[in-house]
Amino acid sequence: MDEQRSVTIPIGDARLPADLTLPARPVGVVLFAHGSGSSRHSPRNVAVARTLNDSGLGTVLADLLTPAEDEVDTRTAELRFDIGLLASRLAGIVDWLAVERPAGDVPIGLFGASTGAAAALVAASSRADRVAAVVSRGGRPDLAGNALAQVRTPTLLLVGGLDEEVITLNERALAELGEVGELRVIPGATHLFEEPGTLEQVADQAGTWFTTYLGR
């Protein structure tokens, strides 16, 4: 049975709620960064996390905004697109995982969706010694800006085959990532991977990527 518990992670003045799931002997732990308008309860991220758990990986689904910030941001939408803030919060959780070691001394991966992918890549560029792999689902890695060229972490970009605009943005980001990046297109999938079997493909490919690079 996986261990499941809710935790509150202190990052500066913020206290961020998170859901932690750990197999008996995790080979690594994956921290999720959800997109704008979503939360740690995102059904798509929860579904992917379950597949990762079945592959022997621990998962952390965290909110990068406090409840108070999220309530204000529902009206303004500014903080949800503040990649710098989200990336700093994500990097802080990476540091918390490395120091507190709730999963033990295991490698850390980042899974980012939509704008969360940009935050994950910025965090990976600043925590190259602690982040061993990154996966982006339907992400906006282009929003990571200059940090893309500084990423040294193996990064998998997964995009829906029908999500043409995002494919183009990911192709541009791939050129900045260079040899550490790989782009894979899921045939017949739109941006949210709502088509039958497409999210399962994302989860399977993410699981293989993480177990490959975190299991080393």
N, C-alpha and C. Protein backbone atom coordinates (compact mmCIF):
# COMPACT_ATOMS: atom_id res chain seq x y z
N MET A 1 0.84 -1.20 0.00
CA MET A 1 0.00 0.00 0.00
C MET A 1 0.88 1.25 0.00
N ASP A 2 0.51 2.23 -0.84
CA ASP A 2 1.23 3.50 -0.85
C ASP A 2 0.87 4.30 0.39
N GLU A 3 1.85 5.04 0.90
CA GLU A 3 1.60 5.96 1.99
C GLU A 3 1.09 7.27 1.40
N GLN A 4 -0.05 7.75 1.90
CA GLN A 4 -0.63 8.99 1.40
C GLN A 4 -0.86 9.94 2.58
N ARG A 5 -0.40 11.18 2.42
CA ARG A 5 -0.64 12.15 3.48
C ARG A 5 -0.60 13.56 2.92
N SER A 6 -1.27 14.45 3.61
CA SER A 6 -1.24 15.86 3.24
C SER A 6 -0.21 16.57 4.10
N VAL A 7 0.52 17.49 3.49
CA VAL A 7 1.56 18.23 4.21
C VAL A 7 1.41 19.71 3.88
N THR A 8 1.99 20.53 4.72
CA THR A 8 2.08 21.97 4.47
C THR A 8 3.56 22.32 4.38
N ILE A 9 3.96 22.89 3.23
CA ILE A 9 5.37 23.13 2.97
C ILE A 9 5.65 24.63 3.13
N PRO A 10 6.56 25.00 4.06
CA PRO A 10 6.88 26.41 4.24
C PRO A 10 7.89 26.88 3.19
N ILE A 11 7.51 27.90 2.42
CA ILE A 11 8.40 28.50 1.43
C ILE A 11 8.41 30.01 1.70
N GLY A 12 9.43 30.50 2.36
CA GLY A 12 9.44 31.91 2.76
C GLY A 12 8.28 32.19 3.69
N ASP A 13 7.49 33.20 3.35
CA ASP A 13 6.33 33.54 4.17
C ASP A 13 5.10 32.72 3.80
N ALA A 14 5.19 31.95 2.74
CA ALA A 14 4.04 31.17 2.25
C ALA A 14 4.00 29.79 2.89
N ARG A 15 2.79 29.28 3.03
CA ARG A 15 2.58 27.91 3.49
C ARG A 15 1.75 27.21 2.42
N LEU A 16 2.35 26.26 1.73
CA LEU A 16 1.72 25.67 0.55
C LEU A 16 1.21 24.27 0.85
N PRO A 17 -0.08 24.02 0.62
CA PRO A 17 -0.65 22.69 0.84
C PRO A 17 -0.21 21.73 -0.27
N ALA A 18 0.04 20.48 0.11
CA ALA A 18 0.50 19.48 -0.86
C ALA A 18 0.02 18.10 -0.45
N ASP A 19 -0.15 17.24 -1.45
CA ASP A 19 -0.52 15.84 -1.22
C ASP A 19 0.65 14.96 -1.63
N LEU A 20 1.12 14.16 -0.69
CA LEU A 20 2.31 13.33 -0.87
C LEU A 20 1.90 11.86 -0.90
N THR A 21 2.34 11.15 -1.94
CA THR A 21 2.08 9.71 -2.04
C THR A 21 3.41 9.00 -2.25
N LEU A 22 3.68 7.99 -1.41
CA LEU A 22 4.97 7.30 -1.46
C LEU A 22 4.77 5.79 -1.49
N PRO A 23 5.31 5.12 -2.53
CA PRO A 23 5.36 3.65 -2.50
C PRO A 23 6.31 3.21 -1.38
N ALA A 24 6.35 1.91 -1.13
CA ALA A 24 7.17 1.40 -0.03
C ALA A 24 8.64 1.74 -0.21
N ARG A 25 9.17 1.55 -1.42
CA ARG A 25 10.58 1.85 -1.69
C ARG A 25 10.67 2.67 -2.98
N PRO A 26 10.40 3.96 -2.90
CA PRO A 26 10.39 4.78 -4.12
C PRO A 26 11.77 4.88 -4.77
N VAL A 27 11.79 4.81 -6.11
CA VAL A 27 13.05 4.97 -6.83
C VAL A 27 13.33 6.45 -7.09
N GLY A 28 12.33 7.28 -6.87
CA GLY A 28 12.45 8.72 -7.05
C GLY A 28 11.15 9.37 -6.63
N VAL A 29 11.12 10.69 -6.64
CA VAL A 29 9.90 11.42 -6.31
C VAL A 29 9.69 12.50 -7.35
N VAL A 30 8.44 12.64 -7.81
CA VAL A 30 8.10 13.60 -8.87
C VAL A 30 7.20 14.68 -8.30
N LEU A 31 7.62 15.92 -8.47
CA LEU A 31 6.88 17.08 -8.02
C LEU A 31 6.10 17.66 -9.20
N PHE A 32 4.79 17.85 -9.01
CA PHE A 32 3.92 18.34 -10.08
C PHE A 32 3.73 19.85 -9.99
N ALA A 33 3.75 20.48 -11.16
CA ALA A 33 3.46 21.91 -11.27
C ALA A 33 2.28 22.07 -12.21
N HIS A 34 1.10 22.37 -11.68
CA HIS A 34 -0.09 22.45 -12.51
C HIS A 34 -0.15 23.78 -13.25
N GLY A 35 -1.02 23.84 -14.23
CA GLY A 35 -1.15 25.05 -15.05
C GLY A 35 -2.07 26.07 -14.42
N SER A 36 -2.20 27.21 -15.07
CA SER A 36 -3.06 28.28 -14.59
C SER A 36 -4.51 27.81 -14.53
N GLY A 37 -5.19 28.21 -13.49
CA GLY A 37 -6.60 27.85 -13.34
C GLY A 37 -6.81 26.46 -12.78
N SER A 38 -5.73 25.75 -12.46
CA SER A 38 -5.85 24.40 -11.93
C SER A 38 -5.32 24.37 -10.50
N SER A 39 -5.29 23.17 -9.92
CA SER A 39 -4.81 23.03 -8.54
C SER A 39 -4.22 21.64 -8.37
N ARG A 40 -3.80 21.35 -7.15
CA ARG A 40 -3.22 20.02 -6.89
C ARG A 40 -4.27 18.92 -7.06
N HIS A 41 -5.54 19.29 -7.14
CA HIS A 41 -6.61 18.31 -7.32
C HIS A 41 -6.95 18.07 -8.79
N SER A 42 -6.16 18.63 -9.70
CA SER A 42 -6.38 18.45 -11.13
C SER A 42 -6.56 16.97 -11.46
N PRO A 43 -7.71 16.57 -12.01
CA PRO A 43 -7.94 15.15 -12.28
C PRO A 43 -6.92 14.55 -13.25
N ARG A 44 -6.42 15.35 -14.18
CA ARG A 44 -5.43 14.84 -15.13
C ARG A 44 -4.10 14.57 -14.44
N ASN A 45 -3.65 15.50 -13.62
CA ASN A 45 -2.40 15.28 -12.90
C ASN A 45 -2.52 14.16 -11.88
N VAL A 46 -3.68 14.08 -11.24
CA VAL A 46 -3.90 12.98 -10.28
C VAL A 46 -3.82 11.64 -11.00
N ALA A 47 -4.40 11.56 -12.19
CA ALA A 47 -4.37 10.31 -12.96
C ALA A 47 -2.94 9.95 -13.36
N VAL A 48 -2.17 10.93 -13.81
CA VAL A 48 -0.77 10.68 -14.16
C VAL A 48 0.01 10.26 -12.92
N ALA A 49 -0.24 10.92 -11.81
CA ALA A 49 0.47 10.60 -10.57
C ALA A 49 0.23 9.15 -10.15
N ARG A 50 -0.99 8.67 -10.32
CA ARG A 50 -1.29 7.28 -9.94
C ARG A 50 -0.47 6.30 -10.78
N THR A 51 -0.32 6.60 -12.07
CA THR A 51 0.49 5.73 -12.92
C THR A 51 1.95 5.75 -12.47
N LEU A 52 2.44 6.94 -12.10
CA LEU A 52 3.81 7.03 -11.61
C LEU A 52 3.98 6.26 -10.30
N ASN A 53 2.98 6.32 -9.43
CA ASN A 53 3.03 5.55 -8.19
C ASN A 53 3.13 4.06 -8.47
N ASP A 54 2.37 3.61 -9.47
CA ASP A 54 2.40 2.19 -9.85
C ASP A 54 3.76 1.79 -10.41
N SER A 55 4.52 2.79 -10.88
CA SER A 55 5.86 2.53 -11.42
C SER A 55 6.94 2.64 -10.35
N GLY A 56 6.52 2.82 -9.10
CA GLY A 56 7.48 2.89 -8.00
C GLY A 56 8.00 4.28 -7.70
N LEU A 57 7.29 5.30 -8.17
CA LEU A 57 7.71 6.68 -7.96
C LEU A 57 6.81 7.36 -6.93
N GLY A 58 7.41 8.12 -6.04
CA GLY A 58 6.63 8.97 -5.16
C GLY A 58 6.16 10.20 -5.91
N THR A 59 5.09 10.81 -5.46
CA THR A 59 4.58 12.02 -6.11
C THR A 59 4.20 13.07 -5.08
N VAL A 60 4.41 14.32 -5.47
CA VAL A 60 4.00 15.47 -4.66
C VAL A 60 3.17 16.39 -5.53
N LEU A 61 1.89 16.52 -5.21
CA LEU A 61 1.02 17.46 -5.91
C LEU A 61 0.79 18.64 -4.99
N ALA A 62 1.37 19.78 -5.36
CA ALA A 62 1.35 20.96 -4.49
C ALA A 62 0.69 22.13 -5.18
N ASP A 63 0.06 22.97 -4.38
CA ASP A 63 -0.43 24.26 -4.87
C ASP A 63 0.70 25.26 -4.72
N LEU A 64 1.00 25.99 -5.80
CA LEU A 64 2.10 26.96 -5.77
C LEU A 64 1.66 28.33 -5.30
N LEU A 65 0.35 28.50 -5.10
CA LEU A 65 -0.19 29.71 -4.49
C LEU A 65 -0.88 29.33 -3.19
N THR A 66 -0.82 30.21 -2.21
CA THR A 66 -1.54 29.98 -0.97
C THR A 66 -3.04 30.14 -1.23
N PRO A 67 -3.89 29.60 -0.35
CA PRO A 67 -5.34 29.78 -0.54
C PRO A 67 -5.73 31.25 -0.65
N ALA A 68 -5.10 32.12 0.13
CA ALA A 68 -5.42 33.55 0.07
C ALA A 68 -5.00 34.14 -1.27
N GLU A 69 -3.81 33.77 -1.75
CA GLU A 69 -3.34 34.26 -3.05
C GLU A 69 -4.23 33.76 -4.17
N ASP A 70 -4.65 32.52 -4.06
CA ASP A 70 -5.49 31.94 -5.10
C ASP A 70 -6.86 32.62 -5.14
N GLU A 71 -7.38 32.98 -3.97
CA GLU A 71 -8.67 33.65 -3.91
C GLU A 71 -8.59 35.02 -4.58
N VAL A 72 -7.52 35.76 -4.31
CA VAL A 72 -7.33 37.06 -4.94
C VAL A 72 -7.09 36.88 -6.44
N ASP A 73 -6.28 35.86 -6.78
CA ASP A 73 -5.89 35.66 -8.17
C ASP A 73 -7.05 35.21 -9.04
N THR A 74 -8.07 34.65 -8.44
CA THR A 74 -9.26 34.28 -9.21
C THR A 74 -9.85 35.51 -9.87
N ARG A 75 -9.67 36.66 -9.23
CA ARG A 75 -10.22 37.89 -9.77
C ARG A 75 -9.22 38.61 -10.68
N THR A 76 -7.93 38.47 -10.39
CA THR A 76 -6.94 39.24 -11.15
C THR A 76 -6.19 38.42 -12.20
N ALA A 77 -6.01 37.12 -11.94
CA ALA A 77 -5.31 36.19 -12.85
C ALA A 77 -3.83 36.54 -13.03
N GLU A 78 -3.30 37.44 -12.21
CA GLU A 78 -1.91 37.86 -12.40
C GLU A 78 -0.91 36.83 -11.85
N LEU A 79 -1.10 36.39 -10.63
CA LEU A 79 -0.13 35.49 -10.01
C LEU A 79 -0.04 34.16 -10.73
N ARG A 80 -1.13 33.70 -11.31
CA ARG A 80 -1.13 32.41 -11.99
C ARG A 80 -0.22 32.40 -13.21
N PHE A 81 0.08 33.59 -13.73
CA PHE A 81 0.95 33.69 -14.89
C PHE A 81 2.31 34.32 -14.54
N ASP A 82 2.58 34.42 -13.23
CA ASP A 82 3.86 34.96 -12.78
C ASP A 82 4.85 33.79 -12.72
N ILE A 83 5.51 33.50 -13.85
CA ILE A 83 6.38 32.33 -13.96
C ILE A 83 7.53 32.41 -12.95
N GLY A 84 8.05 33.62 -12.74
CA GLY A 84 9.14 33.78 -11.78
C GLY A 84 8.73 33.38 -10.38
N LEU A 85 7.55 33.82 -9.94
CA LEU A 85 7.05 33.47 -8.61
C LEU A 85 6.81 31.97 -8.52
N LEU A 86 6.12 31.41 -9.51
CA LEU A 86 5.80 29.98 -9.48
C LEU A 86 7.08 29.14 -9.48
N ALA A 87 8.06 29.54 -10.27
CA ALA A 87 9.32 28.79 -10.34
C ALA A 87 10.07 28.86 -9.01
N SER A 88 10.03 30.03 -8.35
CA SER A 88 10.72 30.15 -7.06
C SER A 88 10.05 29.28 -6.00
N ARG A 89 8.73 29.20 -6.05
CA ARG A 89 8.00 28.33 -5.12
C ARG A 89 8.35 26.86 -5.40
N LEU A 90 8.40 26.52 -6.68
CA LEU A 90 8.72 25.14 -7.06
C LEU A 90 10.13 24.78 -6.62
N ALA A 91 11.08 25.69 -6.84
CA ALA A 91 12.46 25.46 -6.41
C ALA A 91 12.52 25.30 -4.89
N GLY A 92 11.71 26.07 -4.19
CA GLY A 92 11.67 25.94 -2.73
C GLY A 92 11.17 24.58 -2.28
N ILE A 93 10.19 24.03 -2.99
CA ILE A 93 9.70 22.69 -2.65
C ILE A 93 10.75 21.65 -2.98
N VAL A 94 11.49 21.84 -4.07
CA VAL A 94 12.61 20.94 -4.39
C VAL A 94 13.61 20.94 -3.23
N ASP A 95 13.94 22.12 -2.73
CA ASP A 95 14.87 22.21 -1.60
C ASP A 95 14.30 21.51 -0.37
N TRP A 96 13.00 21.69 -0.13
CA TRP A 96 12.35 21.04 1.01
C TRP A 96 12.44 19.51 0.88
N LEU A 97 12.20 18.99 -0.32
CA LEU A 97 12.30 17.54 -0.54
C LEU A 97 13.71 17.04 -0.31
N ALA A 98 14.70 17.83 -0.73
CA ALA A 98 16.09 17.42 -0.59
C ALA A 98 16.56 17.47 0.87
N VAL A 99 16.03 18.42 1.63
CA VAL A 99 16.48 18.59 3.01
C VAL A 99 15.66 17.74 3.97
N GLU A 100 14.33 17.79 3.84
CA GLU A 100 13.47 17.05 4.76
C GLU A 100 13.39 15.56 4.41
N ARG A 101 13.59 15.24 3.16
CA ARG A 101 13.63 13.87 2.66
C ARG A 101 12.42 13.02 3.07
N PRO A 102 11.22 13.48 2.81
CA PRO A 102 10.05 12.67 3.14
C PRO A 102 10.00 11.37 2.33
N ALA A 103 10.67 11.36 1.18
CA ALA A 103 10.74 10.15 0.35
C ALA A 103 12.07 9.44 0.51
N GLY A 104 12.92 9.95 1.39
CA GLY A 104 14.25 9.40 1.52
C GLY A 104 15.22 10.13 0.59
N ASP A 105 16.40 9.57 0.49
CA ASP A 105 17.44 10.17 -0.35
C ASP A 105 17.31 9.65 -1.78
N VAL A 106 16.30 10.16 -2.49
CA VAL A 106 16.03 9.69 -3.86
C VAL A 106 16.07 10.88 -4.81
N PRO A 107 16.31 10.65 -6.11
CA PRO A 107 16.32 11.74 -7.08
C PRO A 107 14.94 12.38 -7.22
N ILE A 108 14.95 13.62 -7.70
CA ILE A 108 13.73 14.42 -7.83
C ILE A 108 13.47 14.71 -9.30
N GLY A 109 12.21 14.55 -9.72
CA GLY A 109 11.78 14.93 -11.06
C GLY A 109 10.69 15.98 -10.98
N LEU A 110 10.47 16.69 -12.08
CA LEU A 110 9.42 17.70 -12.16
C LEU A 110 8.50 17.39 -13.32
N PHE A 111 7.19 17.45 -13.08
CA PHE A 111 6.18 17.26 -14.12
C PHE A 111 5.37 18.54 -14.19
N GLY A 112 5.42 19.21 -15.34
CA GLY A 112 4.72 20.47 -15.49
C GLY A 112 3.67 20.42 -16.58
N ALA A 113 2.51 21.00 -16.32
CA ALA A 113 1.43 21.07 -17.31
C ALA A 113 1.14 22.53 -17.62
N SER A 114 0.91 22.83 -18.91
CA SER A 114 0.59 24.18 -19.35
C SER A 114 1.65 25.17 -18.86
N THR A 115 1.23 26.25 -18.16
CA THR A 115 2.21 27.22 -17.68
C THR A 115 3.12 26.63 -16.60
N GLY A 116 2.66 25.57 -15.94
CA GLY A 116 3.49 24.90 -14.94
C GLY A 116 4.76 24.32 -15.54
N ALA A 117 4.73 23.99 -16.84
CA ALA A 117 5.92 23.47 -17.49
C ALA A 117 7.02 24.53 -17.54
N ALA A 118 6.64 25.78 -17.78
CA ALA A 118 7.63 26.86 -17.79
C ALA A 118 8.25 27.02 -16.40
N ALA A 119 7.41 27.00 -15.37
CA ALA A 119 7.93 27.10 -14.01
C ALA A 119 8.85 25.95 -13.68
N ALA A 120 8.51 24.74 -14.16
CA ALA A 120 9.34 23.57 -13.90
C ALA A 120 10.71 23.71 -14.55
N LEU A 121 10.75 24.25 -15.77
CA LEU A 121 12.03 24.40 -16.47
C LEU A 121 12.89 25.49 -15.84
N VAL A 122 12.27 26.58 -15.41
CA VAL A 122 13.02 27.62 -14.72
C VAL A 122 13.59 27.07 -13.40
N ALA A 123 12.78 26.31 -12.67
CA ALA A 123 13.25 25.71 -11.43
C ALA A 123 14.37 24.71 -11.69
N ALA A 124 14.24 23.92 -12.76
CA ALA A 124 15.27 22.93 -13.10
C ALA A 124 16.59 23.62 -13.43
N SER A 125 16.51 24.77 -14.10
CA SER A 125 17.73 25.48 -14.47
C SER A 125 18.46 26.00 -13.23
N SER A 126 17.72 26.29 -12.16
CA SER A 126 18.34 26.81 -10.94
C SER A 126 18.66 25.73 -9.92
N ARG A 127 18.20 24.51 -10.17
CA ARG A 127 18.43 23.39 -9.25
C ARG A 127 18.95 22.17 -10.02
N ALA A 128 19.91 22.41 -10.89
CA ALA A 128 20.44 21.33 -11.72
C ALA A 128 21.05 20.21 -10.90
N ASP A 129 21.52 20.54 -9.69
CA ASP A 129 22.13 19.52 -8.83
C ASP A 129 21.09 18.67 -8.12
N ARG A 130 19.82 19.08 -8.15
CA ARG A 130 18.79 18.35 -7.41
C ARG A 130 17.68 17.79 -8.30
N VAL A 131 17.48 18.35 -9.48
CA VAL A 131 16.42 17.89 -10.38
C VAL A 131 17.04 17.02 -11.46
N ALA A 132 16.59 15.76 -11.53
CA ALA A 132 17.21 14.79 -12.43
C ALA A 132 16.45 14.59 -13.73
N ALA A 133 15.19 15.03 -13.81
CA ALA A 133 14.40 14.84 -15.03
C ALA A 133 13.19 15.75 -14.99
N VAL A 134 12.75 16.15 -16.20
CA VAL A 134 11.57 17.01 -16.34
C VAL A 134 10.68 16.44 -17.44
N VAL A 135 9.36 16.47 -17.21
CA VAL A 135 8.38 16.13 -18.24
C VAL A 135 7.37 17.25 -18.33
N SER A 136 7.05 17.66 -19.56
CA SER A 136 6.06 18.70 -19.81
C SER A 136 4.88 18.09 -20.54
N ARG A 137 3.65 18.34 -20.04
CA ARG A 137 2.44 17.85 -20.71
C ARG A 137 1.66 19.04 -21.27
N GLY A 138 1.57 19.11 -22.60
CA GLY A 138 0.84 20.22 -23.19
C GLY A 138 1.32 21.54 -22.67
N GLY A 139 2.64 21.65 -22.48
CA GLY A 139 3.20 22.79 -21.76
C GLY A 139 3.51 23.99 -22.62
N ARG A 140 3.85 25.07 -21.92
CA ARG A 140 4.32 26.30 -22.54
C ARG A 140 5.77 26.54 -22.13
N PRO A 141 6.68 25.66 -22.56
CA PRO A 141 8.08 25.84 -22.19
C PRO A 141 8.68 27.14 -22.71
N ASP A 142 8.07 27.70 -23.75
CA ASP A 142 8.56 28.97 -24.30
C ASP A 142 8.51 30.09 -23.26
N LEU A 143 7.58 29.97 -22.30
CA LEU A 143 7.45 31.01 -21.28
C LEU A 143 8.59 30.99 -20.27
N ALA A 144 9.45 29.97 -20.35
CA ALA A 144 10.62 29.92 -19.47
C ALA A 144 11.69 30.91 -19.91
N GLY A 145 11.57 31.44 -21.12
CA GLY A 145 12.47 32.49 -21.59
C GLY A 145 13.93 32.07 -21.64
N ASN A 146 14.80 32.92 -21.11
CA ASN A 146 16.24 32.69 -21.18
C ASN A 146 16.69 31.47 -20.37
N ALA A 147 15.86 31.03 -19.45
CA ALA A 147 16.23 29.87 -18.63
C ALA A 147 16.33 28.59 -19.46
N LEU A 148 15.63 28.54 -20.61
CA LEU A 148 15.65 27.33 -21.44
C LEU A 148 17.07 26.93 -21.82
N ALA A 149 17.86 27.88 -22.23
CA ALA A 149 19.22 27.59 -22.67
C ALA A 149 20.12 27.16 -21.51
N GLN A 150 19.66 27.35 -20.27
CA GLN A 150 20.47 27.00 -19.10
C GLN A 150 20.07 25.65 -18.51
N VAL A 151 19.03 25.02 -19.07
CA VAL A 151 18.57 23.73 -18.55
C VAL A 151 19.58 22.64 -18.93
N ARG A 152 20.01 21.86 -17.95
CA ARG A 152 20.93 20.75 -18.18
C ARG A 152 20.31 19.42 -17.81
N THR A 153 19.01 19.44 -17.58
CA THR A 153 18.28 18.27 -17.11
C THR A 153 17.54 17.61 -18.27
N PRO A 154 17.60 16.28 -18.41
CA PRO A 154 16.84 15.60 -19.48
C PRO A 154 15.36 15.97 -19.41
N THR A 155 14.84 16.49 -20.53
CA THR A 155 13.49 17.06 -20.55
C THR A 155 12.67 16.46 -21.69
N LEU A 156 11.51 15.91 -21.35
CA LEU A 156 10.60 15.34 -22.34
C LEU A 156 9.41 16.27 -22.52
N LEU A 157 9.18 16.70 -23.76
CA LEU A 157 8.05 17.55 -24.09
C LEU A 157 6.98 16.71 -24.78
N LEU A 158 5.81 16.58 -24.16
CA LEU A 158 4.70 15.80 -24.71
C LEU A 158 3.59 16.77 -25.15
N VAL A 159 3.20 16.67 -26.42
CA VAL A 159 2.21 17.59 -26.97
C VAL A 159 1.18 16.81 -27.78
N GLY A 160 -0.07 17.24 -27.74
CA GLY A 160 -1.12 16.61 -28.53
C GLY A 160 -0.96 16.89 -30.01
N GLY A 161 -1.21 15.89 -30.83
CA GLY A 161 -1.03 16.03 -32.27
C GLY A 161 -1.96 17.04 -32.91
N LEU A 162 -3.09 17.34 -32.26
CA LEU A 162 -4.05 18.32 -32.78
C LEU A 162 -3.86 19.71 -32.17
N ASP A 163 -2.88 19.83 -31.30
CA ASP A 163 -2.62 21.09 -30.61
C ASP A 163 -1.53 21.85 -31.37
N GLU A 164 -1.88 22.31 -32.57
CA GLU A 164 -0.88 22.78 -33.53
C GLU A 164 -0.08 23.98 -33.03
N GLU A 165 -0.75 24.95 -32.42
CA GLU A 165 -0.03 26.13 -31.94
C GLU A 165 1.00 25.77 -30.87
N VAL A 166 0.59 24.87 -29.96
CA VAL A 166 1.49 24.48 -28.88
C VAL A 166 2.63 23.60 -29.42
N ILE A 167 2.37 22.83 -30.46
CA ILE A 167 3.46 22.07 -31.10
C ILE A 167 4.53 23.04 -31.59
N THR A 168 4.11 24.11 -32.26
CA THR A 168 5.06 25.09 -32.77
C THR A 168 5.87 25.72 -31.64
N LEU A 169 5.19 26.08 -30.55
CA LEU A 169 5.88 26.69 -29.41
C LEU A 169 6.87 25.71 -28.78
N ASN A 170 6.50 24.43 -28.73
CA ASN A 170 7.40 23.42 -28.17
C ASN A 170 8.59 23.15 -29.09
N GLU A 171 8.37 23.22 -30.39
CA GLU A 171 9.48 23.05 -31.33
C GLU A 171 10.51 24.16 -31.15
N ARG A 172 10.04 25.38 -30.94
CA ARG A 172 10.96 26.49 -30.70
C ARG A 172 11.72 26.29 -29.38
N ALA A 173 11.00 25.85 -28.36
CA ALA A 173 11.65 25.61 -27.07
C ALA A 173 12.67 24.49 -27.17
N LEU A 174 12.36 23.46 -27.96
CA LEU A 174 13.28 22.34 -28.15
C LEU A 174 14.61 22.81 -28.73
N ALA A 175 14.54 23.76 -29.65
CA ALA A 175 15.76 24.30 -30.24
C ALA A 175 16.64 24.97 -29.18
N GLU A 176 15.99 25.59 -28.17
CA GLU A 176 16.74 26.23 -27.09
C GLU A 176 17.29 25.19 -26.11
N LEU A 177 16.53 24.13 -25.88
CA LEU A 177 16.97 23.09 -24.94
C LEU A 177 18.17 22.31 -25.47
N GLY A 178 18.21 22.14 -26.78
CA GLY A 178 19.33 21.40 -27.37
C GLY A 178 19.26 19.92 -27.06
N GLU A 179 20.41 19.32 -26.81
CA GLU A 179 20.50 17.86 -26.71
C GLU A 179 19.82 17.28 -25.48
N VAL A 180 19.50 18.10 -24.47
CA VAL A 180 18.84 17.56 -23.28
C VAL A 180 17.34 17.40 -23.49
N GLY A 181 16.80 17.96 -24.59
CA GLY A 181 15.37 17.92 -24.82
C GLY A 181 14.94 16.89 -25.84
N GLU A 182 13.71 16.41 -25.69
CA GLU A 182 13.09 15.51 -26.66
C GLU A 182 11.61 15.86 -26.77
N LEU A 183 11.11 15.98 -27.99
CA LEU A 183 9.70 16.31 -28.24
C LEU A 183 8.99 15.08 -28.81
N ARG A 184 7.88 14.71 -28.19
CA ARG A 184 7.05 13.62 -28.68
C ARG A 184 5.61 14.10 -28.83
N VAL A 185 5.01 13.74 -29.94
CA VAL A 185 3.64 14.15 -30.25
C VAL A 185 2.70 12.96 -30.07
N ILE A 186 1.63 13.17 -29.29
CA ILE A 186 0.63 12.12 -29.06
C ILE A 186 -0.44 12.25 -30.14
N PRO A 187 -0.52 11.29 -31.07
CA PRO A 187 -1.47 11.41 -32.20
C PRO A 187 -2.92 11.52 -31.72
N GLY A 188 -3.68 12.40 -32.39
CA GLY A 188 -5.11 12.52 -32.14
C GLY A 188 -5.48 13.21 -30.85
N ALA A 189 -4.51 13.80 -30.14
CA ALA A 189 -4.80 14.45 -28.86
C ALA A 189 -4.89 15.96 -29.02
N THR A 190 -5.85 16.56 -28.32
CA THR A 190 -5.94 18.01 -28.24
C THR A 190 -5.19 18.48 -26.99
N HIS A 191 -5.32 19.76 -26.67
CA HIS A 191 -4.49 20.35 -25.62
C HIS A 191 -4.65 19.67 -24.26
N LEU A 192 -5.87 19.28 -23.91
CA LEU A 192 -6.12 18.72 -22.58
C LEU A 192 -6.06 17.19 -22.56
N PHE A 193 -5.75 16.57 -23.69
CA PHE A 193 -5.64 15.10 -23.76
C PHE A 193 -6.91 14.43 -23.24
N GLU A 194 -8.04 14.91 -23.73
CA GLU A 194 -9.33 14.37 -23.31
C GLU A 194 -9.77 13.18 -24.14
N GLU A 195 -9.11 12.93 -25.27
CA GLU A 195 -9.49 11.84 -26.15
C GLU A 195 -9.13 10.49 -25.52
N PRO A 196 -9.94 9.46 -25.77
CA PRO A 196 -9.71 8.15 -25.14
C PRO A 196 -8.28 7.64 -25.37
N GLY A 197 -7.64 7.28 -24.28
CA GLY A 197 -6.31 6.67 -24.36
C GLY A 197 -5.15 7.64 -24.44
N THR A 198 -5.41 8.92 -24.70
CA THR A 198 -4.29 9.85 -24.89
C THR A 198 -3.60 10.22 -23.58
N LEU A 199 -4.38 10.44 -22.51
CA LEU A 199 -3.75 10.76 -21.23
C LEU A 199 -2.98 9.55 -20.70
N GLU A 200 -3.48 8.36 -20.98
CA GLU A 200 -2.77 7.14 -20.58
C GLU A 200 -1.41 7.06 -21.28
N GLN A 201 -1.36 7.49 -22.54
CA GLN A 201 -0.07 7.52 -23.24
C GLN A 201 0.89 8.51 -22.59
N VAL A 202 0.37 9.67 -22.20
CA VAL A 202 1.18 10.64 -21.49
C VAL A 202 1.75 10.04 -20.21
N ALA A 203 0.88 9.40 -19.43
CA ALA A 203 1.30 8.83 -18.15
C ALA A 203 2.35 7.74 -18.36
N ASP A 204 2.14 6.89 -19.36
CA ASP A 204 3.09 5.80 -19.61
C ASP A 204 4.45 6.35 -20.04
N GLN A 205 4.44 7.33 -20.94
CA GLN A 205 5.71 7.87 -21.42
C GLN A 205 6.42 8.66 -20.32
N ALA A 206 5.65 9.38 -19.51
CA ALA A 206 6.25 10.09 -18.39
C ALA A 206 6.85 9.11 -17.39
N GLY A 207 6.13 8.01 -17.12
CA GLY A 207 6.63 7.01 -16.19
C GLY A 207 7.94 6.41 -16.66
N THR A 208 8.03 6.10 -17.95
CA THR A 208 9.26 5.54 -18.49
C THR A 208 10.40 6.53 -18.41
N TRP A 209 10.11 7.81 -18.74
CA TRP A 209 11.14 8.85 -18.69
C TRP A 209 11.68 9.01 -17.27
N PHE A 210 10.78 9.09 -16.30
CA PHE A 210 11.22 9.31 -14.93
C PHE A 210 11.95 8.08 -14.37
N THR A 211 11.43 6.90 -14.62
CA THR A 211 12.13 5.72 -14.06
C THR A 211 13.50 5.54 -14.71
N THR A 212 13.62 5.96 -15.97
CA THR A 212 14.92 5.88 -16.65
C THR A 212 15.94 6.82 -16.00
N TYR A 213 15.54 8.06 -15.78
CA TYR A 213 16.52 9.06 -15.31
C TYR A 213 16.59 9.17 -13.80
N LEU A 214 15.51 8.86 -13.10
CA LEU A 214 15.56 8.90 -11.64
C LEU A 214 16.08 7.59 -11.05
N GLY A 215 15.95 6.53 -11.83
CA GLY A 215 16.38 5.21 -11.34
C GLY A 215 17.85 4.94 -11.51
N ARG A 216 18.58 5.87 -12.12
CA ARG A 216 20.01 5.66 -12.33
C ARG A 216 20.79 5.76 -11.04
